[in-house]
Amino acid sequence: MVLACLAVACSPAVVPPAPGLAATCRHELPAPCASNAPSFAEEVQPILAKRCFRCHTGDGPAAGEHDFSKSERVIGQRGAIREEIASCAMPPKEPLAEPEANTLLRWAACAPGLR
């Protein structure tokens, strides 16, 4: 089965850091679906729970705009997640480690849905 990529995620590039973050924060976008997408349940959700849920669920300050309380909502926001991670805008106080960012970026680019 061939995985389809989101159009915006299919060209490798380095996205510059968000304003105010150290110039060392750059996450390289993955090659167009060069490998299988990470498992949402096993790889993506634990990162989101650790790094994102505090603000993006329940009464969190960003839950109104980007609510991650249901996996279907997270999947629907893959493009926004990709842009925020690649630009180092999220999480705002402590950028993701490269392995975490790479997992989320590969998932956002290549996952057809929940796996």
PDB file of N, CA and C in Angstrom:
ATOM      1  N   MET A   1       0.842  -1.177   0.000  1.00  0.00           N
ATOM      2  CA  MET A   1       0.000   0.000   0.000  1.00  0.00           C
ATOM      3  C   MET A   1       0.883   1.235   0.000  1.00  0.00           C
ATOM      4  N   VAL A   2       0.612   2.167  -0.874  1.00  0.00           N
ATOM      5  CA  VAL A   2       1.368   3.408  -0.959  1.00  0.00           C
ATOM      6  C   VAL A   2       0.690   4.441  -0.073  1.00  0.00           C
ATOM      7  N   LEU A   3       1.466   5.079   0.778  1.00  0.00           N
ATOM      8  CA  LEU A   3       0.922   6.113   1.660  1.00  0.00           C
ATOM      9  C   LEU A   3       0.916   7.448   0.943  1.00  0.00           C
ATOM     10  N   ALA A   4      -0.154   8.178   1.085  1.00  0.00           N
ATOM     11  CA  ALA A   4      -0.247   9.503   0.473  1.00  0.00           C
ATOM     12  C   ALA A   4       0.261  10.550   1.450  1.00  0.00           C
ATOM     13  N   CYS A   5       0.981  11.512   0.948  1.00  0.00           N
ATOM     14  CA  CYS A   5       1.490  12.601   1.787  1.00  0.00           C
ATOM     15  C   CYS A   5       0.580  13.798   1.685  1.00  0.00           C
ATOM     16  N   LEU A   6       0.604  14.621   2.711  1.00  0.00           N
ATOM     17  CA  LEU A   6      -0.021  15.931   2.612  1.00  0.00           C
ATOM     18  C   LEU A   6       0.837  16.739   1.654  1.00  0.00           C
ATOM     19  N   ALA A   7       0.223  17.462   0.776  1.00  0.00           N
ATOM     20  CA  ALA A   7       0.965  18.183  -0.258  1.00  0.00           C
ATOM     21  C   ALA A   7       2.035  19.095   0.322  1.00  0.00           C
ATOM     22  N   VAL A   8       1.749  19.727   1.436  1.00  0.00           N
ATOM     23  CA  VAL A   8       2.716  20.671   1.994  1.00  0.00           C
ATOM     24  C   VAL A   8       3.906  19.985   2.639  1.00  0.00           C
ATOM     25  N   ALA A   9       3.831  18.690   2.854  1.00  0.00           N
ATOM     26  CA  ALA A   9       4.897  18.002   3.571  1.00  0.00           C
ATOM     27  C   ALA A   9       5.761  17.149   2.666  1.00  0.00           C
ATOM     28  N   CYS A  10       5.580  17.249   1.384  1.00  0.00           N
ATOM     29  CA  CYS A  10       6.247  16.305   0.500  1.00  0.00           C
ATOM     30  C   CYS A  10       7.563  16.776  -0.090  1.00  0.00           C
ATOM     31  N   SER A  11       8.045  17.903   0.294  1.00  0.00           N
ATOM     32  CA  SER A  11       9.357  18.299  -0.197  1.00  0.00           C
ATOM     33  C   SER A  11      10.276  18.531   0.986  1.00  0.00           C
ATOM     34  N   PRO A  12      11.442  17.889   0.971  1.00  0.00           N
ATOM     35  CA  PRO A  12      12.360  18.072   2.088  1.00  0.00           C
ATOM     36  C   PRO A  12      12.812  19.523   2.152  1.00  0.00           C
ATOM     37  N   ALA A  13      12.879  20.032   3.353  1.00  0.00           N
ATOM     38  CA  ALA A  13      13.314  21.411   3.552  1.00  0.00           C
ATOM     39  C   ALA A  13      13.661  21.599   5.010  1.00  0.00           C
ATOM     40  N   VAL A  14      14.297  22.681   5.284  1.00  0.00           N
ATOM     41  CA  VAL A  14      14.536  23.070   6.666  1.00  0.00           C
ATOM     42  C   VAL A  14      13.737  24.331   6.897  1.00  0.00           C
ATOM     43  N   VAL A  15      12.876  24.306   7.885  1.00  0.00           N
ATOM     44  CA  VAL A  15      12.030  25.449   8.203  1.00  0.00           C
ATOM     45  C   VAL A  15      12.752  26.289   9.242  1.00  0.00           C
ATOM     46  N   PRO A  16      12.842  27.601   9.030  1.00  0.00           N
ATOM     47  CA  PRO A  16      13.537  28.447  10.000  1.00  0.00           C
ATOM     48  C   PRO A  16      12.795  28.488  11.328  1.00  0.00           C
ATOM     49  N   PRO A  17      13.487  28.803  12.406  1.00  0.00           N
ATOM     50  CA  PRO A  17      12.835  28.846  13.716  1.00  0.00           C
ATOM     51  C   PRO A  17      11.818  29.967  13.818  1.00  0.00           C
ATOM     52  N   ALA A  18      10.881  29.789  14.716  1.00  0.00           N
ATOM     53  CA  ALA A  18       9.895  30.823  14.983  1.00  0.00           C
ATOM     54  C   ALA A  18      10.588  32.020  15.624  1.00  0.00           C
ATOM     55  N   PRO A  19      10.039  33.205  15.438  1.00  0.00           N
ATOM     56  CA  PRO A  19      10.650  34.389  16.062  1.00  0.00           C
ATOM     57  C   PRO A  19      10.778  34.203  17.571  1.00  0.00           C
ATOM     58  N   GLY A  20      11.879  34.632  18.113  1.00  0.00           N
ATOM     59  CA  GLY A  20      12.097  34.563  19.544  1.00  0.00           C
ATOM     60  C   GLY A  20      12.763  33.282  20.018  1.00  0.00           C
ATOM     61  N   LEU A  21      12.851  32.263  19.174  1.00  0.00           N
ATOM     62  CA  LEU A  21      13.516  31.022  19.571  1.00  0.00           C
ATOM     63  C   LEU A  21      14.957  31.051  19.090  1.00  0.00           C
ATOM     64  N   ALA A  22      15.767  30.289  19.755  1.00  0.00           N
ATOM     65  CA  ALA A  22      17.189  30.227  19.387  1.00  0.00           C
ATOM     66  C   ALA A  22      17.336  29.802  17.930  1.00  0.00           C
ATOM     67  N   ALA A  23      18.292  30.391  17.253  1.00  0.00           N
ATOM     68  CA  ALA A  23      18.521  30.074  15.847  1.00  0.00           C
ATOM     69  C   ALA A  23      18.921  28.622  15.649  1.00  0.00           C
ATOM     70  N   THR A  24      19.234  27.928  16.728  1.00  0.00           N
ATOM     71  CA  THR A  24      19.628  26.532  16.602  1.00  0.00           C
ATOM     72  C   THR A  24      18.431  25.600  16.448  1.00  0.00           C
ATOM     73  N   CYS A  25      17.220  26.096  16.622  1.00  0.00           N
ATOM     74  CA  CYS A  25      16.035  25.251  16.507  1.00  0.00           C
ATOM     75  C   CYS A  25      15.583  25.196  15.061  1.00  0.00           C
ATOM     76  N   ARG A  26      15.847  24.075  14.426  1.00  0.00           N
ATOM     77  CA  ARG A  26      15.393  23.813  13.056  1.00  0.00           C
ATOM     78  C   ARG A  26      15.073  22.330  12.978  1.00  0.00           C
ATOM     79  N   HIS A  27      13.924  22.034  12.435  1.00  0.00           N
ATOM     80  CA  HIS A  27      13.562  20.631  12.248  1.00  0.00           C
ATOM     81  C   HIS A  27      13.426  20.370  10.761  1.00  0.00           C
ATOM     82  N   GLU A  28      14.232  19.457  10.267  1.00  0.00           N
ATOM     83  CA  GLU A  28      14.192  19.110   8.857  1.00  0.00           C
ATOM     84  C   GLU A  28      12.923  18.332   8.571  1.00  0.00           C
ATOM     85  N   LEU A  29      12.244  18.739   7.511  1.00  0.00           N
ATOM     86  CA  LEU A  29      11.035  18.032   7.121  1.00  0.00           C
ATOM     87  C   LEU A  29      11.417  16.695   6.500  1.00  0.00           C
ATOM     88  N   PRO A  30      10.609  15.667   6.741  1.00  0.00           N
ATOM     89  CA  PRO A  30      10.943  14.345   6.215  1.00  0.00           C
ATOM     90  C   PRO A  30      10.807  14.285   4.703  1.00  0.00           C
ATOM     91  N   ALA A  31      11.553  13.362   4.119  1.00  0.00           N
ATOM     92  CA  ALA A  31      11.399  13.084   2.698  1.00  0.00           C
ATOM     93  C   ALA A  31       9.978  12.583   2.474  1.00  0.00           C
ATOM     94  N   PRO A  32       9.468  12.691   1.268  1.00  0.00           N
ATOM     95  CA  PRO A  32       8.085  12.313   1.014  1.00  0.00           C
ATOM     96  C   PRO A  32       7.791  10.852   1.338  1.00  0.00           C
ATOM     97  N   CYS A  33       7.281  10.636   2.492  1.00  0.00           N
ATOM     98  CA  CYS A  33       6.863   9.299   2.937  1.00  0.00           C
ATOM     99  C   CYS A  33       7.941   8.251   2.681  1.00  0.00           C
ATOM    100  N   ALA A  34       9.162   8.595   3.055  1.00  0.00           N
ATOM    101  CA  ALA A  34      10.289   7.707   2.821  1.00  0.00           C
ATOM    102  C   ALA A  34      10.187   6.416   3.629  1.00  0.00           C
ATOM    103  N   SER A  35       9.418   6.441   4.685  1.00  0.00           N
ATOM    104  CA  SER A  35       9.246   5.237   5.493  1.00  0.00           C
ATOM    105  C   SER A  35       7.812   5.200   5.994  1.00  0.00           C
ATOM    106  N   ASN A  36       7.456   4.111   6.622  1.00  0.00           N
ATOM    107  CA  ASN A  36       6.110   4.008   7.170  1.00  0.00           C
ATOM    108  C   ASN A  36       5.876   5.099   8.194  1.00  0.00           C
ATOM    109  N   ALA A  37       4.655   5.564   8.256  1.00  0.00           N
ATOM    110  CA  ALA A  37       4.297   6.574   9.246  1.00  0.00           C
ATOM    111  C   ALA A  37       4.368   5.959  10.634  1.00  0.00           C
ATOM    112  N   PRO A  38       4.777   6.741  11.620  1.00  0.00           N
ATOM    113  CA  PRO A  38       4.778   6.246  12.996  1.00  0.00           C
ATOM    114  C   PRO A  38       3.356   5.885  13.428  1.00  0.00           C
ATOM    115  N   SER A  39       3.253   4.933  14.305  1.00  0.00           N
ATOM    116  CA  SER A  39       1.963   4.537  14.864  1.00  0.00           C
ATOM    117  C   SER A  39       1.441   5.659  15.760  1.00  0.00           C
ATOM    118  N   PHE A  40       0.192   6.065  15.546  1.00  0.00           N
ATOM    119  CA  PHE A  40      -0.379   7.108  16.381  1.00  0.00           C
ATOM    120  C   PHE A  40      -0.404   6.664  17.837  1.00  0.00           C
ATOM    121  N   ALA A  41      -0.955   5.490  18.095  1.00  0.00           N
ATOM    122  CA  ALA A  41      -1.132   5.016  19.472  1.00  0.00           C
ATOM    123  C   ALA A  41       0.189   4.742  20.171  1.00  0.00           C
ATOM    124  N   GLU A  42       1.151   4.172  19.463  1.00  0.00           N
ATOM    125  CA  GLU A  42       2.391   3.744  20.101  1.00  0.00           C
ATOM    126  C   GLU A  42       3.486   4.802  20.122  1.00  0.00           C
ATOM    127  N   GLU A  43       3.514   5.688  19.138  1.00  0.00           N
ATOM    128  CA  GLU A  43       4.615   6.641  19.044  1.00  0.00           C
ATOM    129  C   GLU A  43       4.195   8.101  19.161  1.00  0.00           C
ATOM    130  N   VAL A  44       3.101   8.473  18.527  1.00  0.00           N
ATOM    131  CA  VAL A  44       2.690   9.875  18.481  1.00  0.00           C
ATOM    132  C   VAL A  44       1.967  10.294  19.748  1.00  0.00           C
ATOM    133  N   GLN A  45       0.956   9.542  20.147  1.00  0.00           N
ATOM    134  CA  GLN A  45       0.166   9.923  21.308  1.00  0.00           C
ATOM    135  C   GLN A  45       1.002  10.087  22.580  1.00  0.00           C
ATOM    136  N   PRO A  46       1.989   9.222  22.845  1.00  0.00           N
ATOM    137  CA  PRO A  46       2.813   9.453  24.041  1.00  0.00           C
ATOM    138  C   PRO A  46       3.572  10.786  24.014  1.00  0.00           C
ATOM    139  N   ILE A  47       4.031  11.213  22.852  1.00  0.00           N
ATOM    140  CA  ILE A  47       4.715  12.504  22.748  1.00  0.00           C
ATOM    141  C   ILE A  47       3.712  13.625  23.002  1.00  0.00           C
ATOM    142  N   LEU A  48       2.551  13.524  22.384  1.00  0.00           N
ATOM    143  CA  LEU A  48       1.529  14.542  22.594  1.00  0.00           C
ATOM    144  C   LEU A  48       1.120  14.616  24.057  1.00  0.00           C
ATOM    145  N   ALA A  49       0.959  13.462  24.696  1.00  0.00           N
ATOM    146  CA  ALA A  49       0.567  13.439  26.108  1.00  0.00           C
ATOM    147  C   ALA A  49       1.630  14.107  26.976  1.00  0.00           C
ATOM    148  N   LYS A  50       2.875  13.846  26.677  1.00  0.00           N
ATOM    149  CA  LYS A  50       3.991  14.386  27.463  1.00  0.00           C
ATOM    150  C   LYS A  50       4.210  15.872  27.205  1.00  0.00           C
ATOM    151  N   ARG A  51       4.072  16.302  25.958  1.00  0.00           N
ATOM    152  CA  ARG A  51       4.499  17.644  25.585  1.00  0.00           C
ATOM    153  C   ARG A  51       3.385  18.616  25.223  1.00  0.00           C
ATOM    154  N   CYS A  52       2.153  18.113  24.957  1.00  0.00           N
ATOM    155  CA  CYS A  52       1.117  18.984  24.395  1.00  0.00           C
ATOM    156  C   CYS A  52      -0.203  19.020  25.169  1.00  0.00           C
ATOM    157  N   PHE A  53      -0.575  17.904  25.777  1.00  0.00           N
ATOM    158  CA  PHE A  53      -1.912  17.802  26.361  1.00  0.00           C
ATOM    159  C   PHE A  53      -2.173  18.828  27.462  1.00  0.00           C
ATOM    160  N   ARG A  54      -1.163  19.224  28.201  1.00  0.00           N
ATOM    161  CA  ARG A  54      -1.367  20.183  29.297  1.00  0.00           C
ATOM    162  C   ARG A  54      -2.044  21.455  28.783  1.00  0.00           C
ATOM    163  N   CYS A  55      -1.669  21.910  27.605  1.00  0.00           N
ATOM    164  CA  CYS A  55      -2.251  23.134  27.048  1.00  0.00           C
ATOM    165  C   CYS A  55      -3.382  22.872  26.050  1.00  0.00           C
ATOM    166  N   HIS A  56      -3.362  21.713  25.396  1.00  0.00           N
ATOM    167  CA  HIS A  56      -4.285  21.450  24.290  1.00  0.00           C
ATOM    168  C   HIS A  56      -5.425  20.507  24.628  1.00  0.00           C
ATOM    169  N   THR A  57      -5.737  20.301  25.903  1.00  0.00           N
ATOM    170  CA  THR A  57      -6.902  19.514  26.303  1.00  0.00           C
ATOM    171  C   THR A  57      -7.580  20.184  27.491  1.00  0.00           C
ATOM    172  N   GLY A  58      -8.811  19.782  27.731  1.00  0.00           N
ATOM    173  CA  GLY A  58      -9.546  20.280  28.889  1.00  0.00           C
ATOM    174  C   GLY A  58      -9.617  21.787  28.938  1.00  0.00           C
ATOM    175  N   ASP A  59      -9.207  22.343  30.082  1.00  0.00           N
ATOM    176  CA  ASP A  59      -9.220  23.790  30.278  1.00  0.00           C
ATOM    177  C   ASP A  59      -7.885  24.433  29.923  1.00  0.00           C
ATOM    178  N   GLY A  60      -7.049  23.723  29.194  1.00  0.00           N
ATOM    179  CA  GLY A  60      -5.746  24.264  28.812  1.00  0.00           C
ATOM    180  C   GLY A  60      -5.894  25.534  27.994  1.00  0.00           C
ATOM    181  N   PRO A  61      -4.904  26.420  28.055  1.00  0.00           N
ATOM    182  CA  PRO A  61      -4.999  27.717  27.389  1.00  0.00           C
ATOM    183  C   PRO A  61      -5.112  27.645  25.863  1.00  0.00           C
ATOM    184  N   ALA A  62      -4.722  26.555  25.244  1.00  0.00           N
ATOM    185  CA  ALA A  62      -4.788  26.438  23.783  1.00  0.00           C
ATOM    186  C   ALA A  62      -5.825  25.422  23.320  1.00  0.00           C
ATOM    187  N   ALA A  63      -6.611  24.880  24.235  1.00  0.00           N
ATOM    188  CA  ALA A  63      -7.582  23.843  23.881  1.00  0.00           C
ATOM    189  C   ALA A  63      -8.704  24.378  22.999  1.00  0.00           C
ATOM    190  N   GLY A  64      -9.029  25.632  23.120  1.00  0.00           N
ATOM    191  CA  GLY A  64     -10.086  26.197  22.296  1.00  0.00           C
ATOM    192  C   GLY A  64      -9.727  26.237  20.824  1.00  0.00           C
ATOM    193  N   GLU A  65      -8.481  26.572  20.532  1.00  0.00           N
ATOM    194  CA  GLU A  65      -8.040  26.683  19.145  1.00  0.00           C
ATOM    195  C   GLU A  65      -7.602  25.345  18.569  1.00  0.00           C
ATOM    196  N   HIS A  66      -6.869  24.583  19.324  1.00  0.00           N
ATOM    197  CA  HIS A  66      -6.366  23.281  18.879  1.00  0.00           C
ATOM    198  C   HIS A  66      -6.616  22.277  19.994  1.00  0.00           C
ATOM    199  N   ASP A  67      -7.768  21.635  19.953  1.00  0.00           N
ATOM    200  CA  ASP A  67      -8.182  20.684  20.984  1.00  0.00           C
ATOM    201  C   ASP A  67      -7.682  19.288  20.633  1.00  0.00           C
ATOM    202  N   PHE A  68      -6.816  18.749  21.473  1.00  0.00           N
ATOM    203  CA  PHE A  68      -6.252  17.422  21.251  1.00  0.00           C
ATOM    204  C   PHE A  68      -6.913  16.360  22.136  1.00  0.00           C
ATOM    205  N   SER A  69      -8.113  16.638  22.652  1.00  0.00           N
ATOM    206  CA  SER A  69      -8.749  15.711  23.585  1.00  0.00           C
ATOM    207  C   SER A  69      -9.250  14.433  22.913  1.00  0.00           C
ATOM    208  N   LYS A  70      -9.459  14.447  21.622  1.00  0.00           N
ATOM    209  CA  LYS A  70      -9.884  13.251  20.891  1.00  0.00           C
ATOM    210  C   LYS A  70      -8.940  13.034  19.719  1.00  0.00           C
ATOM    211  N   SER A  71      -8.560  11.785  19.512  1.00  0.00           N
ATOM    212  CA  SER A  71      -7.590  11.479  18.466  1.00  0.00           C
ATOM    213  C   SER A  71      -8.067  11.938  17.089  1.00  0.00           C
ATOM    214  N   GLU A  72      -9.365  11.894  16.825  1.00  0.00           N
ATOM    215  CA  GLU A  72      -9.875  12.338  15.529  1.00  0.00           C
ATOM    216  C   GLU A  72      -9.602  13.827  15.314  1.00  0.00           C
ATOM    217  N   ARG A  73      -9.653  14.605  16.386  1.00  0.00           N
ATOM    218  CA  ARG A  73      -9.361  16.038  16.276  1.00  0.00           C
ATOM    219  C   ARG A  73      -7.884  16.265  15.984  1.00  0.00           C
ATOM    220  N   VAL A  74      -7.047  15.478  16.609  1.00  0.00           N
ATOM    221  CA  VAL A  74      -5.600  15.600  16.369  1.00  0.00           C
ATOM    222  C   VAL A  74      -5.303  15.278  14.908  1.00  0.00           C
ATOM    223  N   ILE A  75      -5.894  14.211  14.413  1.00  0.00           N
ATOM    224  CA  ILE A  75      -5.674  13.812  13.022  1.00  0.00           C
ATOM    225  C   ILE A  75      -6.121  14.913  12.072  1.00  0.00           C
ATOM    226  N   GLY A  76      -7.231  15.539  12.379  1.00  0.00           N
ATOM    227  CA  GLY A  76      -7.733  16.618  11.541  1.00  0.00           C
ATOM    228  C   GLY A  76      -6.855  17.859  11.552  1.00  0.00           C
ATOM    229  N   GLN A  77      -5.968  17.957  12.512  1.00  0.00           N
ATOM    230  CA  GLN A  77      -5.101  19.122  12.649  1.00  0.00           C
ATOM    231  C   GLN A  77      -3.651  18.826  12.278  1.00  0.00           C
ATOM    232  N   ARG A  78      -3.426  17.736  11.551  1.00  0.00           N
ATOM    233  CA  ARG A  78      -2.045  17.347  11.210  1.00  0.00           C
ATOM    234  C   ARG A  78      -1.275  18.445  10.505  1.00  0.00           C
ATOM    235  N   GLY A  79      -1.909  19.150   9.590  1.00  0.00           N
ATOM    236  CA  GLY A  79      -1.208  20.219   8.872  1.00  0.00           C
ATOM    237  C   GLY A  79      -0.740  21.325   9.806  1.00  0.00           C
ATOM    238  N   ALA A  80      -1.603  21.739  10.714  1.00  0.00           N
ATOM    239  CA  ALA A  80      -1.234  22.783  11.672  1.00  0.00           C
ATOM    240  C   ALA A  80      -0.149  22.289  12.619  1.00  0.00           C
ATOM    241  N   ILE A  81      -0.262  21.043  13.049  1.00  0.00           N
ATOM    242  CA  ILE A  81       0.755  20.460  13.934  1.00  0.00           C
ATOM    243  C   ILE A  81       2.096  20.454  13.219  1.00  0.00           C
ATOM    244  N   ARG A  82       2.096  20.047  11.972  1.00  0.00           N
ATOM    245  CA  ARG A  82       3.331  19.997  11.179  1.00  0.00           C
ATOM    246  C   ARG A  82       3.981  21.373  11.114  1.00  0.00           C
ATOM    247  N   GLU A  83       3.206  22.392  10.806  1.00  0.00           N
ATOM    248  CA  GLU A  83       3.755  23.741  10.688  1.00  0.00           C
ATOM    249  C   GLU A  83       4.302  24.250  12.021  1.00  0.00           C
ATOM    250  N   GLU A  84       3.584  24.010  13.093  1.00  0.00           N
ATOM    251  CA  GLU A  84       4.014  24.479  14.411  1.00  0.00           C
ATOM    252  C   GLU A  84       5.285  23.772  14.879  1.00  0.00           C
ATOM    253  N   ILE A  85       5.376  22.488  14.621  1.00  0.00           N
ATOM    254  CA  ILE A  85       6.562  21.713  15.026  1.00  0.00           C
ATOM    255  C   ILE A  85       7.759  22.107  14.153  1.00  0.00           C
ATOM    256  N   ALA A  86       7.560  22.140  12.842  1.00  0.00           N
ATOM    257  CA  ALA A  86       8.666  22.435  11.931  1.00  0.00           C
ATOM    258  C   ALA A  86       9.239  23.821  12.164  1.00  0.00           C
ATOM    259  N   SER A  87       8.399  24.774  12.520  1.00  0.00           N
ATOM    260  CA  SER A  87       8.870  26.140  12.730  1.00  0.00           C
ATOM    261  C   SER A  87       9.366  26.374  14.156  1.00  0.00           C
ATOM    262  N   CYS A  88       9.314  25.341  14.986  1.00  0.00           N
ATOM    263  CA  CYS A  88       9.736  25.410  16.378  1.00  0.00           C
ATOM    264  C   CYS A  88       8.850  26.351  17.207  1.00  0.00           C
ATOM    265  N   ALA A  89       7.640  26.598  16.737  1.00  0.00           N
ATOM    266  CA  ALA A  89       6.709  27.439  17.483  1.00  0.00           C
ATOM    267  C   ALA A  89       6.067  26.673  18.637  1.00  0.00           C
ATOM    268  N   MET A  90       5.982  25.369  18.508  1.00  0.00           N
ATOM    269  CA  MET A  90       5.386  24.540  19.551  1.00  0.00           C
ATOM    270  C   MET A  90       6.326  23.402  19.889  1.00  0.00           C
ATOM    271  N   PRO A  91       6.389  23.037  21.126  1.00  0.00           N
ATOM    272  CA  PRO A  91       5.874  23.773  22.268  1.00  0.00           C
ATOM    273  C   PRO A  91       6.659  25.061  22.469  1.00  0.00           C
ATOM    274  N   PRO A  92       5.988  26.085  22.998  1.00  0.00           N
ATOM    275  CA  PRO A  92       6.605  27.414  23.024  1.00  0.00           C
ATOM    276  C   PRO A  92       7.775  27.579  23.987  1.00  0.00           C
ATOM    277  N   LYS A  93       7.773  26.880  25.101  1.00  0.00           N
ATOM    278  CA  LYS A  93       8.813  27.120  26.107  1.00  0.00           C
ATOM    279  C   LYS A  93      10.034  26.237  25.940  1.00  0.00           C
ATOM    280  N   GLU A  94       9.837  25.055  25.422  1.00  0.00           N
ATOM    281  CA  GLU A  94      10.958  24.125  25.258  1.00  0.00           C
ATOM    282  C   GLU A  94      10.763  23.335  23.974  1.00  0.00           C
ATOM    283  N   PRO A  95      11.527  23.639  22.929  1.00  0.00           N
ATOM    284  CA  PRO A  95      11.359  22.936  21.659  1.00  0.00           C
ATOM    285  C   PRO A  95      11.503  21.424  21.834  1.00  0.00           C
ATOM    286  N   LEU A  96      10.844  20.714  20.961  1.00  0.00           N
ATOM    287  CA  LEU A  96      10.934  19.259  20.986  1.00  0.00           C
ATOM    288  C   LEU A  96      12.348  18.806  20.655  1.00  0.00           C
ATOM    289  N   ALA A  97      12.738  17.699  21.244  1.00  0.00           N
ATOM    290  CA  ALA A  97      14.001  17.070  20.861  1.00  0.00           C
ATOM    291  C   ALA A  97      13.835  16.572  19.426  1.00  0.00           C
ATOM    292  N   GLU A  98      14.915  16.483  18.708  1.00  0.00           N
ATOM    293  CA  GLU A  98      14.866  16.073  17.302  1.00  0.00           C
ATOM    294  C   GLU A  98      14.126  14.744  17.089  1.00  0.00           C
ATOM    295  N   PRO A  99      14.354  13.705  17.913  1.00  0.00           N
ATOM    296  CA  PRO A  99      13.601  12.454  17.684  1.00  0.00           C
ATOM    297  C   PRO A  99      12.087  12.637  17.850  1.00  0.00           C
ATOM    298  N   GLU A 100      11.671  13.434  18.833  1.00  0.00           N
ATOM    299  CA  GLU A 100      10.240  13.694  19.025  1.00  0.00           C
ATOM    300  C   GLU A 100       9.682  14.465  17.829  1.00  0.00           C
ATOM    301  N   ALA A 101      10.378  15.516  17.430  1.00  0.00           N
ATOM    302  CA  ALA A 101       9.929  16.321  16.292  1.00  0.00           C
ATOM    303  C   ALA A 101       9.861  15.481  15.033  1.00  0.00           C
ATOM    304  N   ASN A 102      10.869  14.663  14.794  1.00  0.00           N
ATOM    305  CA  ASN A 102      10.900  13.823  13.601  1.00  0.00           C
ATOM    306  C   ASN A 102       9.713  12.856  13.584  1.00  0.00           C
ATOM    307  N   THR A 103       9.391  12.262  14.720  1.00  0.00           N
ATOM    308  CA  THR A 103       8.253  11.346  14.796  1.00  0.00           C
ATOM    309  C   THR A 103       6.964  12.071  14.436  1.00  0.00           C
ATOM    310  N   LEU A 104       6.743  13.238  15.026  1.00  0.00           N
ATOM    311  CA  LEU A 104       5.521  13.982  14.753  1.00  0.00           C
ATOM    312  C   LEU A 104       5.466  14.473  13.304  1.00  0.00           C
ATOM    313  N   LEU A 105       6.578  14.928  12.773  1.00  0.00           N
ATOM    314  CA  LEU A 105       6.605  15.398  11.396  1.00  0.00           C
ATOM    315  C   LEU A 105       6.366  14.269  10.402  1.00  0.00           C
ATOM    316  N   ARG A 106       6.977  13.100  10.638  1.00  0.00           N
ATOM    317  CA  ARG A 106       6.730  11.954   9.745  1.00  0.00           C
ATOM    318  C   ARG A 106       5.277  11.525   9.808  1.00  0.00           C
ATOM    319  N   TRP A 107       4.705  11.501  11.008  1.00  0.00           N
ATOM    320  CA  TRP A 107       3.310  11.128  11.159  1.00  0.00           C
ATOM    321  C   TRP A 107       2.406  12.127  10.432  1.00  0.00           C
ATOM    322  N   ALA A 108       2.642  13.418  10.642  1.00  0.00           N
ATOM    323  CA  ALA A 108       1.796  14.443  10.014  1.00  0.00           C
ATOM    324  C   ALA A 108       1.878  14.385   8.493  1.00  0.00           C
ATOM    325  N   ALA A 109       3.039  14.044   7.980  1.00  0.00           N
ATOM    326  CA  ALA A 109       3.230  14.011   6.529  1.00  0.00           C
ATOM    327  C   ALA A 109       2.679  12.748   5.869  1.00  0.00           C
ATOM    328  N   CYS A 110       2.732  11.641   6.564  1.00  0.00           N
ATOM    329  CA  CYS A 110       2.519  10.362   5.886  1.00  0.00           C
ATOM    330  C   CYS A 110       1.401   9.488   6.398  1.00  0.00           C
ATOM    331  N   ALA A 111       0.876   9.751   7.561  1.00  0.00           N
ATOM    332  CA  ALA A 111      -0.133   8.854   8.130  1.00  0.00           C
ATOM    333  C   ALA A 111      -1.477   9.028   7.442  1.00  0.00           C
ATOM    334  N   PRO A 112      -2.087   7.936   6.987  1.00  0.00           N
ATOM    335  CA  PRO A 112      -3.406   8.031   6.362  1.00  0.00           C
ATOM    336  C   PRO A 112      -4.512   8.177   7.401  1.00  0.00           C
ATOM    337  N   GLY A 113      -4.239   7.909   8.657  1.00  0.00           N
ATOM    338  CA  GLY A 113      -5.220   7.983   9.717  1.00  0.00           C
ATOM    339  C   GLY A 113      -4.687   7.245  10.943  1.00  0.00           C
ATOM    340  N   LEU A 114      -5.530   6.905  11.831  1.00  0.00           N
ATOM    341  CA  LEU A 114      -5.096   6.161  13.028  1.00  0.00           C
ATOM    342  C   LEU A 114      -4.598   4.780  12.652  1.00  0.00           C
ATOM    343  N   ARG A 115      -3.520   4.362  13.293  1.00  0.00           N
ATOM    344  CA  ARG A 115      -2.992   2.999  13.097  1.00  0.00           C
ATOM    345  C   ARG A 115      -2.777   2.403  14.442  1.00  0.00           C
TER     346      ARG A 115
END
